[in-house]
Amino acid sequence: MIEYITVADVDNYATNVNTWTALDTVTKEKHVYEANIYLTNENLLAMEADAIPEPVNRAGCELALMSHSEGLYKDDAEAVTSESVKLGSLSLSTSYDTSAKAQHTAQLNNINAYLKPYKIKSGNAYRLIKGE
């Protein structure tokens, strides 16, 4: 795994986020680790650890904060807000809350916009010719 961000990076980025500043070091390290795993899996261009571009750093910090507040990996199912069942003449009614899922998706879309210039383009194929 590549270390794109550190706890110090997120501490500097989130100075006004009380829920982050109140965390102990071990918990912060866990969320930073999850953010680094996410970034590593994004197939970013190679970069030096001491020269991480600002948008990648910002994306990593946002990912660490998301990891803490709601988790990075969400279940696709919407939360059930109400459910009713009637046995006579059989009736079923269920209501779902999709707002949390939509907000999570919007945050990840924003993060992916930060990362887009640094992603390795997929679909590039190279022909390998063996020398004789």
C-alpha atoms as a PDB file:
ATOM      1  CA  MET A   1       0.000   0.000   0.000  1.00  0.00           C
ATOM      2  CA  ILE A   2       1.192   3.502  -0.808  1.00  0.00           C
ATOM      3  CA  GLU A   3       1.052   6.159   1.916  1.00  0.00           C
ATOM      4  CA  TYR A   4      -0.505   9.163   0.194  1.00  0.00           C
ATOM      5  CA  ILE A   5      -1.566  10.918   3.400  1.00  0.00           C
ATOM      6  CA  THR A   6      -0.611  10.847   7.059  1.00  0.00           C
ATOM      7  CA  VAL A   7      -2.431  11.644  10.278  1.00  0.00           C
ATOM      8  CA  ALA A   8      -0.572  14.981  10.321  1.00  0.00           C
ATOM      9  CA  ASP A   9      -1.963  15.794   6.850  1.00  0.00           C
ATOM     10  CA  VAL A  10      -5.525  15.205   8.008  1.00  0.00           C
ATOM     11  CA  ASP A  11      -4.920  17.053  11.284  1.00  0.00           C
ATOM     12  CA  ASN A  12      -3.752  20.101   9.290  1.00  0.00           C
ATOM     13  CA  TYR A  13      -6.659  19.800   6.836  1.00  0.00           C
ATOM     14  CA  ALA A  14      -9.361  19.246   9.471  1.00  0.00           C
ATOM     15  CA  THR A  15      -8.394  21.775  12.140  1.00  0.00           C
ATOM     16  CA  ASN A  16     -12.023  22.933  12.436  1.00  0.00           C
ATOM     17  CA  VAL A  17     -13.608  19.463  12.379  1.00  0.00           C
ATOM     18  CA  ASN A  18     -14.264  18.787  16.059  1.00  0.00           C
ATOM     19  CA  THR A  19     -15.206  15.151  15.527  1.00  0.00           C
ATOM     20  CA  TRP A  20     -11.765  14.542  13.966  1.00  0.00           C
ATOM     21  CA  THR A  21      -9.674  16.564  16.412  1.00  0.00           C
ATOM     22  CA  ALA A  22     -11.297  14.745  19.349  1.00  0.00           C
ATOM     23  CA  LEU A  23     -10.154  11.323  18.101  1.00  0.00           C
ATOM     24  CA  ASP A  24      -7.235   9.457  19.629  1.00  0.00           C
ATOM     25  CA  THR A  25      -4.156   8.736  17.484  1.00  0.00           C
ATOM     26  CA  VAL A  26      -4.927   5.028  17.002  1.00  0.00           C
ATOM     27  CA  THR A  27      -8.403   5.778  15.644  1.00  0.00           C
ATOM     28  CA  LYS A  28      -7.036   8.487  13.340  1.00  0.00           C
ATOM     29  CA  GLU A  29      -4.409   6.055  12.041  1.00  0.00           C
ATOM     30  CA  LYS A  30      -7.159   3.530  11.231  1.00  0.00           C
ATOM     31  CA  HIS A  31      -9.101   6.069   9.130  1.00  0.00           C
ATOM     32  CA  VAL A  32      -5.949   7.330   7.392  1.00  0.00           C
ATOM     33  CA  TYR A  33      -5.035   3.716   6.610  1.00  0.00           C
ATOM     34  CA  GLU A  34      -8.466   3.154   5.020  1.00  0.00           C
ATOM     35  CA  ALA A  35      -8.081   6.331   2.963  1.00  0.00           C
ATOM     36  CA  ASN A  36      -4.653   5.202   1.752  1.00  0.00           C
ATOM     37  CA  ILE A  37      -6.060   1.803   0.763  1.00  0.00           C
ATOM     38  CA  TYR A  38      -8.809   3.542  -1.214  1.00  0.00           C
ATOM     39  CA  LEU A  39      -6.269   5.772  -2.982  1.00  0.00           C
ATOM     40  CA  THR A  40      -3.957   2.837  -3.695  1.00  0.00           C
ATOM     41  CA  ASN A  41      -6.836   0.998  -5.371  1.00  0.00           C
ATOM     42  CA  GLU A  42      -7.550   3.993  -7.625  1.00  0.00           C
ATOM     43  CA  ASN A  43      -4.564   3.208  -9.910  1.00  0.00           C
ATOM     44  CA  LEU A  44      -2.974   6.629  -9.589  1.00  0.00           C
ATOM     45  CA  LEU A  45       0.152   7.654 -11.456  1.00  0.00           C
ATOM     46  CA  ALA A  46       3.429   7.045  -9.660  1.00  0.00           C
ATOM     47  CA  MET A  47       4.365   9.914  -7.346  1.00  0.00           C
ATOM     48  CA  GLU A  48       7.021  10.565  -4.769  1.00  0.00           C
ATOM     49  CA  ALA A  49       5.891  10.342  -1.133  1.00  0.00           C
ATOM     50  CA  ASP A  50       7.288  13.808  -0.419  1.00  0.00           C
ATOM     51  CA  ALA A  51       5.627  15.343  -3.498  1.00  0.00           C
ATOM     52  CA  ILE A  52       1.979  14.263  -3.334  1.00  0.00           C
ATOM     53  CA  PRO A  53      -0.059  16.762  -5.419  1.00  0.00           C
ATOM     54  CA  GLU A  54      -2.440  18.975  -3.444  1.00  0.00           C
ATOM     55  CA  PRO A  55      -5.635  17.527  -5.046  1.00  0.00           C
ATOM     56  CA  VAL A  56      -4.559  13.980  -4.145  1.00  0.00           C
ATOM     57  CA  ASN A  57      -3.744  15.095  -0.604  1.00  0.00           C
ATOM     58  CA  ARG A  58      -7.114  16.839  -0.324  1.00  0.00           C
ATOM     59  CA  ALA A  59      -8.923  13.758  -1.650  1.00  0.00           C
ATOM     60  CA  GLY A  60      -7.098  11.580   0.874  1.00  0.00           C
ATOM     61  CA  CYS A  61      -8.018  13.883   3.741  1.00  0.00           C
ATOM     62  CA  GLU A  62     -11.665  13.884   2.655  1.00  0.00           C
ATOM     63  CA  LEU A  63     -11.583  10.083   2.436  1.00  0.00           C
ATOM     64  CA  ALA A  64     -10.182   9.823   5.979  1.00  0.00           C
ATOM     65  CA  LEU A  65     -12.941  12.115   7.258  1.00  0.00           C
ATOM     66  CA  MET A  66     -15.562  10.077   5.380  1.00  0.00           C
ATOM     67  CA  SER A  67     -14.107   6.887   6.822  1.00  0.00           C
ATOM     68  CA  HIS A  68     -14.580   8.334  10.295  1.00  0.00           C
ATOM     69  CA  SER A  69     -18.024   9.865   9.818  1.00  0.00           C
ATOM     70  CA  GLU A  70     -19.864   7.281   7.746  1.00  0.00           C
ATOM     71  CA  GLY A  71     -17.457   4.738   6.328  1.00  0.00           C
ATOM     72  CA  LEU A  72     -15.998   4.591   2.841  1.00  0.00           C
ATOM     73  CA  TYR A  73     -17.697   1.456   1.665  1.00  0.00           C
ATOM     74  CA  LYS A  74     -21.447   1.593   1.855  1.00  0.00           C
ATOM     75  CA  ASP A  75     -24.032  -1.054   1.305  1.00  0.00           C
ATOM     76  CA  ASP A  76     -26.116  -0.363  -1.829  1.00  0.00           C
ATOM     77  CA  ALA A  77     -29.374  -0.991   0.000  1.00  0.00           C
ATOM     78  CA  GLU A  78     -31.366   2.019   1.103  1.00  0.00           C
ATOM     79  CA  ALA A  79     -32.381   2.372   4.746  1.00  0.00           C
ATOM     80  CA  VAL A  80     -35.941   1.312   5.505  1.00  0.00           C
ATOM     81  CA  THR A  81     -37.800   4.218   7.108  1.00  0.00           C
ATOM     82  CA  SER A  82     -41.179   2.561   7.519  1.00  0.00           C
ATOM     83  CA  GLU A  83     -42.778  -0.767   6.872  1.00  0.00           C
ATOM     84  CA  SER A  84     -46.314  -2.005   7.293  1.00  0.00           C
ATOM     85  CA  VAL A  85     -47.840  -5.432   6.791  1.00  0.00           C
ATOM     86  CA  LYS A  86     -51.503  -6.412   6.696  1.00  0.00           C
ATOM     87  CA  LEU A  87     -52.540 -10.038   6.700  1.00  0.00           C
ATOM     88  CA  GLY A  88     -56.228  -9.856   5.708  1.00  0.00           C
ATOM     89  CA  SER A  89     -56.379  -9.263   1.933  1.00  0.00           C
ATOM     90  CA  LEU A  90     -52.567  -9.258   2.036  1.00  0.00           C
ATOM     91  CA  SER A  91     -50.990  -5.792   1.888  1.00  0.00           C
ATOM     92  CA  LEU A  92     -47.358  -4.685   2.187  1.00  0.00           C
ATOM     93  CA  SER A  93     -45.897  -1.189   2.196  1.00  0.00           C
ATOM     94  CA  THR A  94     -42.247  -0.192   2.603  1.00  0.00           C
ATOM     95  CA  SER A  95     -40.574   3.236   2.479  1.00  0.00           C
ATOM     96  CA  TYR A  96     -36.853   3.824   1.907  1.00  0.00           C
ATOM     97  CA  ASP A  97     -34.519   6.717   2.650  1.00  0.00           C
ATOM     98  CA  THR A  98     -32.155   7.258  -0.277  1.00  0.00           C
ATOM     99  CA  SER A  99     -30.755  10.617   0.876  1.00  0.00           C
ATOM    100  CA  ALA A 100     -27.782   9.157   2.796  1.00  0.00           C
ATOM    101  CA  LYS A 101     -26.782   7.028  -0.191  1.00  0.00           C
ATOM    102  CA  ALA A 102     -27.086  10.022  -2.540  1.00  0.00           C
ATOM    103  CA  GLN A 103     -24.924  12.195  -0.264  1.00  0.00           C
ATOM    104  CA  HIS A 104     -22.265   9.463   0.006  1.00  0.00           C
ATOM    105  CA  THR A 105     -22.219   9.081  -3.785  1.00  0.00           C
ATOM    106  CA  ALA A 106     -21.924  12.853  -4.246  1.00  0.00           C
ATOM    107  CA  GLN A 107     -18.949  12.998  -1.866  1.00  0.00           C
ATOM    108  CA  LEU A 108     -17.176  10.170  -3.702  1.00  0.00           C
ATOM    109  CA  ASN A 109     -17.886  11.865  -7.054  1.00  0.00           C
ATOM    110  CA  ASN A 110     -16.251  15.030  -5.713  1.00  0.00           C
ATOM    111  CA  ILE A 111     -13.220  13.057  -4.507  1.00  0.00           C
ATOM    112  CA  ASN A 112     -12.956  11.274  -7.854  1.00  0.00           C
ATOM    113  CA  ALA A 113     -12.945  14.667  -9.594  1.00  0.00           C
ATOM    114  CA  TYR A 114      -9.872  15.610  -7.526  1.00  0.00           C
ATOM    115  CA  LEU A 115      -8.193  12.336  -8.521  1.00  0.00           C
ATOM    116  CA  LYS A 116      -9.113  12.205 -12.215  1.00  0.00           C
ATOM    117  CA  PRO A 117      -5.984  13.985 -13.565  1.00  0.00           C
ATOM    118  CA  TYR A 118      -3.784  11.564 -11.604  1.00  0.00           C
ATOM    119  CA  LYS A 119      -5.417   8.291 -12.656  1.00  0.00           C
ATOM    120  CA  ILE A 120      -3.782   5.917 -15.085  1.00  0.00           C
ATOM    121  CA  LYS A 121      -5.919   5.858 -18.195  1.00  0.00           C
ATOM    122  CA  SER A 122      -7.514   2.466 -18.689  1.00  0.00           C
ATOM    123  CA  GLY A 123      -7.783   0.772 -22.036  1.00  0.00           C
ATOM    124  CA  ASN A 124      -4.231   1.508 -23.138  1.00  0.00           C
ATOM    125  CA  ALA A 125      -2.796  -1.551 -24.842  1.00  0.00           C
ATOM    126  CA  TYR A 126       0.791  -2.026 -25.883  1.00  0.00           C
ATOM    127  CA  ARG A 127       2.078  -4.559 -28.316  1.00  0.00           C
ATOM    128  CA  LEU A 128       5.053  -6.521 -27.039  1.00  0.00           C
ATOM    129  CA  ILE A 129       7.472  -7.714 -29.695  1.00  0.00           C
ATOM    130  CA  LYS A 130      10.043 -10.266 -28.583  1.00  0.00           C
ATOM    131  CA  GLY A 131      13.494  -9.816 -30.031  1.00  0.00           C
ATOM    132  CA  GLU A 132      15.151 -12.705 -31.782  1.00  0.00           C
END
